[in-house]
Amino acid sequence: MGDTPQSHEQNGTLWFSDICSLLDALEELFDRYQSKSKLSKRDFRARRTKLVEQWVRHYQLAILRNEKQLIATLSLLFPGLRRERVYTMKETRLAEVIAQAIGCGSEDLQLLANWRSTHKDFGSAAQSVMKRRVHSFRKGSVYI
């Protein structure tokens, strides 16, 4: 993300990818904190706070312009603070929902259902399925 966040447009639009860029930068910082070239806990927290503050300052007008967007943005950034958040949908059910939504066949559903044995996390398994499907569609074949 660098020193200053970059938006897609300078008209105050907040894109989902802008939120993702913040989350990517925070994940990269966290990875550095846990890596061999460790940051101190104090330095990690200070850098994390600085990243979030810079991002919020940059997108403040876009966020505050629309109340619904503010709620959605805060919900994406701080999901653990939502009181009504549902924690009951497990990966097995989510795999079924994703497979049905994108029209997966049994092979992809199995890959999603058994994500622990082939991928480090569920998101990686879902990404792998999507890449395979996109690749097969580019070749002109139907992949079901």
N, C-alpha and C. Protein backbone atom coordinates (compact mmCIF):
# COMPACT_ATOMS: atom_id res chain seq x y z
N MET A 1 0.81 -1.17 0.00
CA MET A 1 0.00 0.00 0.00
C MET A 1 0.86 1.24 0.00
N GLY A 2 2.06 1.20 0.52
CA GLY A 2 2.97 2.34 0.48
C GLY A 2 2.59 3.39 1.50
N ASP A 3 3.15 4.61 1.30
CA ASP A 3 2.90 5.69 2.24
C ASP A 3 1.51 6.29 2.09
N THR A 4 1.02 6.37 0.86
CA THR A 4 -0.28 6.97 0.62
C THR A 4 -1.15 6.00 -0.15
N PRO A 5 -2.36 5.72 0.35
CA PRO A 5 -3.25 4.82 -0.38
C PRO A 5 -3.60 5.40 -1.74
N GLN A 6 -3.78 4.54 -2.71
CA GLN A 6 -4.13 4.97 -4.06
C GLN A 6 -5.54 4.52 -4.36
N SER A 7 -6.42 5.44 -4.72
CA SER A 7 -7.79 5.06 -5.08
C SER A 7 -7.90 4.94 -6.58
N HIS A 8 -8.95 4.28 -7.04
CA HIS A 8 -9.18 4.12 -8.46
C HIS A 8 -9.53 5.44 -9.12
N GLU A 9 -10.28 6.25 -8.42
CA GLU A 9 -10.71 7.52 -8.97
C GLU A 9 -10.47 8.59 -7.93
N GLN A 10 -10.25 9.80 -8.37
CA GLN A 10 -10.02 10.89 -7.44
C GLN A 10 -11.32 11.61 -7.10
N ASN A 11 -12.47 11.05 -7.43
CA ASN A 11 -13.75 11.70 -7.16
C ASN A 11 -14.36 11.27 -5.83
N GLY A 12 -13.60 10.64 -4.97
CA GLY A 12 -14.12 10.26 -3.68
C GLY A 12 -14.83 8.92 -3.64
N THR A 13 -14.68 8.12 -4.66
CA THR A 13 -15.31 6.80 -4.69
C THR A 13 -14.47 5.82 -3.90
N LEU A 14 -15.12 5.04 -3.07
CA LEU A 14 -14.44 3.99 -2.31
C LEU A 14 -14.80 2.66 -2.95
N TRP A 15 -13.80 1.98 -3.45
CA TRP A 15 -13.99 0.68 -4.11
C TRP A 15 -13.67 -0.42 -3.12
N PHE A 16 -14.25 -1.59 -3.36
CA PHE A 16 -13.95 -2.75 -2.53
C PHE A 16 -12.46 -3.07 -2.58
N SER A 17 -11.86 -2.87 -3.73
CA SER A 17 -10.41 -3.14 -3.86
C SER A 17 -9.59 -2.19 -3.00
N ASP A 18 -10.12 -1.01 -2.70
CA ASP A 18 -9.42 -0.09 -1.80
C ASP A 18 -9.40 -0.65 -0.39
N ILE A 19 -10.50 -1.26 0.02
CA ILE A 19 -10.56 -1.91 1.33
C ILE A 19 -9.60 -3.10 1.34
N CYS A 20 -9.61 -3.85 0.24
CA CYS A 20 -8.71 -5.00 0.14
C CYS A 20 -7.25 -4.58 0.21
N SER A 21 -6.92 -3.43 -0.38
CA SER A 21 -5.52 -2.97 -0.34
C SER A 21 -5.09 -2.68 1.09
N LEU A 22 -6.00 -2.13 1.89
CA LEU A 22 -5.68 -1.91 3.30
C LEU A 22 -5.47 -3.25 4.01
N LEU A 23 -6.37 -4.18 3.78
CA LEU A 23 -6.24 -5.48 4.43
C LEU A 23 -4.97 -6.20 3.98
N ASP A 24 -4.62 -6.08 2.71
CA ASP A 24 -3.37 -6.69 2.22
C ASP A 24 -2.16 -6.07 2.91
N ALA A 25 -2.16 -4.76 3.04
CA ALA A 25 -1.04 -4.08 3.70
C ALA A 25 -0.94 -4.49 5.16
N LEU A 26 -2.08 -4.63 5.83
CA LEU A 26 -2.07 -5.06 7.22
C LEU A 26 -1.59 -6.51 7.35
N GLU A 27 -1.99 -7.35 6.39
CA GLU A 27 -1.54 -8.74 6.41
C GLU A 27 -0.03 -8.82 6.17
N GLU A 28 0.47 -8.02 5.24
CA GLU A 28 1.90 -7.99 4.96
C GLU A 28 2.68 -7.53 6.20
N LEU A 29 2.17 -6.52 6.88
CA LEU A 29 2.80 -6.04 8.10
C LEU A 29 2.79 -7.13 9.17
N PHE A 30 1.67 -7.82 9.31
CA PHE A 30 1.57 -8.90 10.29
C PHE A 30 2.55 -10.03 9.95
N ASP A 31 2.67 -10.36 8.67
CA ASP A 31 3.62 -11.40 8.25
C ASP A 31 5.05 -10.99 8.61
N ARG A 32 5.37 -9.71 8.40
CA ARG A 32 6.71 -9.21 8.77
C ARG A 32 6.91 -9.31 10.28
N TYR A 33 5.86 -9.04 11.03
CA TYR A 33 5.92 -9.11 12.49
C TYR A 33 6.23 -10.54 12.94
N GLN A 34 5.67 -11.52 12.23
CA GLN A 34 5.88 -12.91 12.62
C GLN A 34 7.08 -13.56 11.94
N SER A 35 7.70 -12.90 10.99
CA SER A 35 8.82 -13.50 10.26
C SER A 35 10.12 -13.43 11.06
N LYS A 36 11.17 -13.92 10.43
CA LYS A 36 12.48 -13.94 11.08
C LYS A 36 13.00 -12.53 11.33
N SER A 37 12.70 -11.60 10.44
CA SER A 37 13.12 -10.20 10.64
C SER A 37 12.02 -9.49 11.43
N LYS A 38 11.78 -10.00 12.61
CA LYS A 38 10.64 -9.57 13.42
C LYS A 38 10.69 -8.09 13.76
N LEU A 39 9.52 -7.50 13.72
CA LEU A 39 9.32 -6.17 14.26
C LEU A 39 9.00 -6.35 15.74
N SER A 40 9.34 -5.38 16.54
CA SER A 40 8.94 -5.46 17.93
C SER A 40 7.42 -5.29 18.00
N LYS A 41 6.84 -5.76 19.07
CA LYS A 41 5.39 -5.65 19.23
C LYS A 41 4.98 -4.18 19.21
N ARG A 42 5.76 -3.35 19.84
CA ARG A 42 5.48 -1.91 19.88
C ARG A 42 5.55 -1.30 18.49
N ASP A 43 6.57 -1.65 17.73
CA ASP A 43 6.73 -1.13 16.36
C ASP A 43 5.61 -1.64 15.46
N PHE A 44 5.26 -2.92 15.61
CA PHE A 44 4.17 -3.49 14.82
C PHE A 44 2.87 -2.73 15.07
N ARG A 45 2.53 -2.52 16.33
CA ARG A 45 1.28 -1.82 16.67
C ARG A 45 1.29 -0.38 16.14
N ALA A 46 2.43 0.28 16.25
CA ALA A 46 2.54 1.67 15.77
C ALA A 46 2.36 1.73 14.26
N ARG A 47 2.99 0.82 13.54
CA ARG A 47 2.87 0.80 12.07
C ARG A 47 1.44 0.43 11.64
N ARG A 48 0.84 -0.50 12.36
CA ARG A 48 -0.53 -0.89 12.05
C ARG A 48 -1.47 0.30 12.23
N THR A 49 -1.32 0.99 13.33
CA THR A 49 -2.16 2.17 13.60
C THR A 49 -1.94 3.23 12.53
N LYS A 50 -0.69 3.45 12.15
CA LYS A 50 -0.39 4.45 11.13
C LYS A 50 -1.02 4.09 9.79
N LEU A 51 -0.94 2.82 9.39
CA LEU A 51 -1.55 2.37 8.14
C LEU A 51 -3.06 2.65 8.12
N VAL A 52 -3.72 2.27 9.21
CA VAL A 52 -5.17 2.46 9.28
C VAL A 52 -5.52 3.93 9.29
N GLU A 53 -4.79 4.73 10.06
CA GLU A 53 -5.06 6.16 10.12
C GLU A 53 -4.87 6.83 8.76
N GLN A 54 -3.81 6.47 8.04
CA GLN A 54 -3.57 7.04 6.71
C GLN A 54 -4.70 6.66 5.76
N TRP A 55 -5.10 5.41 5.80
CA TRP A 55 -6.16 4.94 4.92
C TRP A 55 -7.46 5.67 5.20
N VAL A 56 -7.82 5.77 6.48
CA VAL A 56 -9.07 6.44 6.86
C VAL A 56 -9.03 7.90 6.45
N ARG A 57 -7.91 8.57 6.67
CA ARG A 57 -7.79 9.98 6.25
C ARG A 57 -7.98 10.13 4.75
N HIS A 58 -7.37 9.22 3.99
CA HIS A 58 -7.44 9.29 2.53
C HIS A 58 -8.87 9.08 2.01
N TYR A 59 -9.60 8.17 2.62
CA TYR A 59 -10.94 7.82 2.15
C TYR A 59 -12.07 8.43 3.00
N GLN A 60 -11.72 9.32 3.90
CA GLN A 60 -12.69 9.87 4.84
C GLN A 60 -13.92 10.47 4.15
N LEU A 61 -13.71 11.28 3.14
CA LEU A 61 -14.85 11.92 2.47
C LEU A 61 -15.75 10.89 1.79
N ALA A 62 -15.14 9.90 1.16
CA ALA A 62 -15.93 8.86 0.49
C ALA A 62 -16.72 8.04 1.51
N ILE A 63 -16.11 7.76 2.64
CA ILE A 63 -16.77 6.95 3.67
C ILE A 63 -17.92 7.73 4.30
N LEU A 64 -17.68 8.98 4.64
CA LEU A 64 -18.69 9.78 5.33
C LEU A 64 -19.80 10.28 4.43
N ARG A 65 -19.57 10.29 3.13
CA ARG A 65 -20.57 10.78 2.18
C ARG A 65 -21.86 9.96 2.25
N ASN A 66 -21.73 8.68 2.53
CA ASN A 66 -22.89 7.80 2.48
C ASN A 66 -22.94 6.97 3.75
N GLU A 67 -23.98 7.14 4.53
CA GLU A 67 -24.12 6.44 5.81
C GLU A 67 -24.09 4.93 5.65
N LYS A 68 -24.75 4.42 4.62
CA LYS A 68 -24.77 2.97 4.40
C LYS A 68 -23.37 2.47 4.06
N GLN A 69 -22.63 3.26 3.30
CA GLN A 69 -21.26 2.88 2.94
C GLN A 69 -20.38 2.88 4.18
N LEU A 70 -20.61 3.81 5.09
CA LEU A 70 -19.85 3.86 6.33
C LEU A 70 -20.08 2.59 7.14
N ILE A 71 -21.33 2.19 7.27
CA ILE A 71 -21.64 0.98 8.03
C ILE A 71 -21.03 -0.25 7.35
N ALA A 72 -21.14 -0.34 6.04
CA ALA A 72 -20.57 -1.48 5.31
C ALA A 72 -19.05 -1.50 5.44
N THR A 73 -18.43 -0.33 5.34
CA THR A 73 -16.97 -0.24 5.44
C THR A 73 -16.50 -0.68 6.82
N LEU A 74 -17.12 -0.14 7.84
CA LEU A 74 -16.74 -0.52 9.20
C LEU A 74 -16.98 -2.00 9.46
N SER A 75 -18.05 -2.53 8.88
CA SER A 75 -18.36 -3.94 9.03
C SER A 75 -17.28 -4.81 8.38
N LEU A 76 -16.79 -4.39 7.21
CA LEU A 76 -15.72 -5.14 6.54
C LEU A 76 -14.41 -5.06 7.31
N LEU A 77 -14.11 -3.89 7.85
CA LEU A 77 -12.83 -3.70 8.54
C LEU A 77 -12.82 -4.31 9.93
N PHE A 78 -13.96 -4.31 10.61
CA PHE A 78 -14.02 -4.79 11.98
C PHE A 78 -15.17 -5.78 12.17
N PRO A 79 -15.12 -6.92 11.49
CA PRO A 79 -16.25 -7.86 11.54
C PRO A 79 -16.49 -8.43 12.94
N GLY A 80 -15.45 -8.53 13.74
CA GLY A 80 -15.60 -9.08 15.07
C GLY A 80 -16.41 -8.20 16.01
N LEU A 81 -16.59 -6.95 15.65
CA LEU A 81 -17.34 -6.03 16.50
C LEU A 81 -18.83 -6.02 16.20
N ARG A 82 -19.24 -6.71 15.15
CA ARG A 82 -20.67 -6.77 14.81
C ARG A 82 -21.36 -7.73 15.75
N ARG A 83 -22.35 -7.23 16.47
CA ARG A 83 -23.08 -8.07 17.43
C ARG A 83 -23.92 -9.13 16.75
N GLU A 84 -24.47 -8.80 15.58
CA GLU A 84 -25.36 -9.74 14.90
C GLU A 84 -24.61 -10.70 13.98
N ARG A 85 -23.30 -10.65 14.01
CA ARG A 85 -22.52 -11.51 13.11
C ARG A 85 -22.84 -12.98 13.37
N VAL A 86 -23.00 -13.70 12.31
CA VAL A 86 -23.34 -15.11 12.40
C VAL A 86 -22.07 -15.94 12.25
N TYR A 87 -21.82 -16.79 13.22
CA TYR A 87 -20.64 -17.64 13.18
C TYR A 87 -20.98 -19.10 12.89
N THR A 88 -22.23 -19.35 12.55
CA THR A 88 -22.65 -20.74 12.45
C THR A 88 -22.39 -21.38 11.10
N MET A 89 -22.17 -20.62 10.04
CA MET A 89 -21.93 -21.23 8.73
C MET A 89 -20.48 -21.71 8.67
N LYS A 90 -20.34 -22.99 8.66
CA LYS A 90 -19.00 -23.59 8.61
C LYS A 90 -18.59 -23.80 7.16
N GLU A 91 -17.32 -24.18 6.98
CA GLU A 91 -16.77 -24.32 5.64
C GLU A 91 -17.51 -25.34 4.79
N THR A 92 -18.00 -26.40 5.41
CA THR A 92 -18.71 -27.43 4.65
C THR A 92 -19.94 -26.85 3.98
N ARG A 93 -20.73 -26.11 4.73
CA ARG A 93 -21.94 -25.50 4.16
C ARG A 93 -21.55 -24.40 3.17
N LEU A 94 -20.53 -23.63 3.50
CA LEU A 94 -20.07 -22.58 2.59
C LEU A 94 -19.60 -23.18 1.27
N ALA A 95 -18.92 -24.32 1.32
CA ALA A 95 -18.49 -25.00 0.11
C ALA A 95 -19.68 -25.36 -0.77
N GLU A 96 -20.75 -25.84 -0.15
CA GLU A 96 -21.95 -26.19 -0.91
C GLU A 96 -22.58 -24.95 -1.55
N VAL A 97 -22.63 -23.86 -0.79
CA VAL A 97 -23.22 -22.63 -1.31
C VAL A 97 -22.40 -22.09 -2.48
N ILE A 98 -21.09 -22.05 -2.33
CA ILE A 98 -20.21 -21.56 -3.39
C ILE A 98 -20.33 -22.45 -4.62
N ALA A 99 -20.28 -23.75 -4.41
CA ALA A 99 -20.37 -24.68 -5.54
C ALA A 99 -21.67 -24.51 -6.30
N GLN A 100 -22.76 -24.33 -5.58
CA GLN A 100 -24.05 -24.14 -6.23
C GLN A 100 -24.10 -22.79 -6.96
N ALA A 101 -23.57 -21.76 -6.33
CA ALA A 101 -23.62 -20.42 -6.91
C ALA A 101 -22.83 -20.31 -8.21
N ILE A 102 -21.71 -21.00 -8.31
CA ILE A 102 -20.90 -20.90 -9.52
C ILE A 102 -21.02 -22.13 -10.42
N GLY A 103 -21.90 -23.03 -10.05
CA GLY A 103 -22.17 -24.17 -10.91
C GLY A 103 -21.05 -25.20 -10.94
N CYS A 104 -20.45 -25.47 -9.81
CA CYS A 104 -19.35 -26.44 -9.74
C CYS A 104 -19.87 -27.86 -9.85
N GLY A 105 -19.01 -28.70 -10.34
CA GLY A 105 -19.29 -30.12 -10.37
C GLY A 105 -18.80 -30.77 -9.09
N SER A 106 -18.91 -32.07 -9.04
CA SER A 106 -18.57 -32.80 -7.82
C SER A 106 -17.08 -32.72 -7.48
N GLU A 107 -16.22 -32.65 -8.50
CA GLU A 107 -14.78 -32.57 -8.25
C GLU A 107 -14.41 -31.30 -7.50
N ASP A 108 -14.96 -30.17 -7.94
CA ASP A 108 -14.68 -28.91 -7.27
C ASP A 108 -15.33 -28.85 -5.89
N LEU A 109 -16.51 -29.39 -5.76
CA LEU A 109 -17.16 -29.44 -4.45
C LEU A 109 -16.31 -30.24 -3.48
N GLN A 110 -15.75 -31.37 -3.94
CA GLN A 110 -14.86 -32.18 -3.10
C GLN A 110 -13.62 -31.39 -2.70
N LEU A 111 -13.06 -30.64 -3.64
CA LEU A 111 -11.87 -29.84 -3.34
C LEU A 111 -12.20 -28.81 -2.27
N LEU A 112 -13.35 -28.17 -2.38
CA LEU A 112 -13.75 -27.19 -1.38
C LEU A 112 -14.04 -27.85 -0.04
N ALA A 113 -14.72 -28.98 -0.06
CA ALA A 113 -15.07 -29.67 1.17
C ALA A 113 -13.84 -30.19 1.90
N ASN A 114 -12.82 -30.60 1.16
CA ASN A 114 -11.59 -31.15 1.75
C ASN A 114 -10.45 -30.14 1.71
N TRP A 115 -10.75 -28.88 1.90
CA TRP A 115 -9.76 -27.82 1.77
C TRP A 115 -8.58 -27.96 2.70
N ARG A 116 -8.77 -28.54 3.87
CA ARG A 116 -7.67 -28.65 4.84
C ARG A 116 -6.55 -29.57 4.33
N SER A 117 -6.90 -30.58 3.55
CA SER A 117 -5.89 -31.54 3.10
C SER A 117 -5.09 -31.04 1.90
N THR A 118 -5.61 -30.04 1.17
CA THR A 118 -4.92 -29.60 -0.04
C THR A 118 -4.48 -28.14 -0.03
N HIS A 119 -5.03 -27.33 0.88
CA HIS A 119 -4.72 -25.90 0.91
C HIS A 119 -4.52 -25.43 2.34
N LYS A 120 -3.86 -24.29 2.49
CA LYS A 120 -3.63 -23.80 3.84
C LYS A 120 -4.87 -23.18 4.47
N ASP A 121 -5.80 -22.71 3.65
CA ASP A 121 -7.05 -22.20 4.20
C ASP A 121 -8.18 -22.31 3.19
N PHE A 122 -9.39 -22.09 3.65
CA PHE A 122 -10.56 -22.25 2.79
C PHE A 122 -10.54 -21.27 1.63
N GLY A 123 -10.11 -20.04 1.89
CA GLY A 123 -10.03 -19.03 0.84
C GLY A 123 -9.12 -19.45 -0.30
N SER A 124 -8.00 -20.08 0.02
CA SER A 124 -7.08 -20.57 -1.01
C SER A 124 -7.72 -21.66 -1.85
N ALA A 125 -8.48 -22.53 -1.20
CA ALA A 125 -9.17 -23.59 -1.94
C ALA A 125 -10.22 -23.00 -2.88
N ALA A 126 -10.99 -22.03 -2.40
CA ALA A 126 -12.00 -21.38 -3.24
C ALA A 126 -11.34 -20.66 -4.41
N GLN A 127 -10.22 -20.01 -4.15
CA GLN A 127 -9.49 -19.31 -5.22
C GLN A 127 -8.98 -20.30 -6.26
N SER A 128 -8.50 -21.44 -5.81
CA SER A 128 -8.02 -22.47 -6.72
C SER A 128 -9.14 -22.97 -7.63
N VAL A 129 -10.31 -23.21 -7.05
CA VAL A 129 -11.46 -23.66 -7.84
C VAL A 129 -11.82 -22.61 -8.88
N MET A 130 -11.86 -21.35 -8.47
CA MET A 130 -12.22 -20.29 -9.41
C MET A 130 -11.19 -20.17 -10.53
N LYS A 131 -9.91 -20.28 -10.21
CA LYS A 131 -8.87 -20.22 -11.24
C LYS A 131 -9.02 -21.35 -12.24
N ARG A 132 -9.30 -22.56 -11.75
CA ARG A 132 -9.49 -23.71 -12.64
C ARG A 132 -10.67 -23.47 -13.57
N ARG A 133 -11.74 -22.92 -13.01
CA ARG A 133 -12.95 -22.68 -13.81
C ARG A 133 -12.69 -21.60 -14.86
N VAL A 134 -12.03 -20.53 -14.47
CA VAL A 134 -11.72 -19.46 -15.43
C VAL A 134 -10.82 -19.99 -16.53
N HIS A 135 -9.81 -20.78 -16.14
CA HIS A 135 -8.89 -21.35 -17.12
C HIS A 135 -9.64 -22.25 -18.10
N SER A 136 -10.56 -23.05 -17.59
CA SER A 136 -11.29 -23.96 -18.48
C SER A 136 -12.23 -23.19 -19.41
N PHE A 137 -12.83 -22.11 -18.92
CA PHE A 137 -13.70 -21.30 -19.78
C PHE A 137 -12.89 -20.59 -20.86
N ARG A 138 -11.68 -20.18 -20.53
CA ARG A 138 -10.82 -19.52 -21.53
C ARG A 138 -10.45 -20.49 -22.65
N LYS A 139 -10.33 -21.77 -22.30
CA LYS A 139 -10.02 -22.77 -23.31
C LYS A 139 -11.24 -23.11 -24.16
N GLY A 140 -12.40 -22.62 -23.70
CA GLY A 140 -13.61 -22.88 -24.47
C GLY A 140 -14.36 -24.13 -24.08
N SER A 141 -13.92 -24.76 -22.99
CA SER A 141 -14.61 -25.96 -22.55
C SER A 141 -15.52 -25.62 -21.37
N VAL A 142 -16.55 -26.39 -21.22
CA VAL A 142 -17.43 -26.23 -20.09
C VAL A 142 -16.92 -27.16 -18.99
N TYR A 143 -16.69 -26.62 -17.81
CA TYR A 143 -16.08 -27.38 -16.73
C TYR A 143 -17.11 -27.57 -15.63
N ILE A 144 -17.76 -28.72 -15.63
CA ILE A 144 -18.79 -29.01 -14.64
C ILE A 144 -18.48 -30.28 -13.92
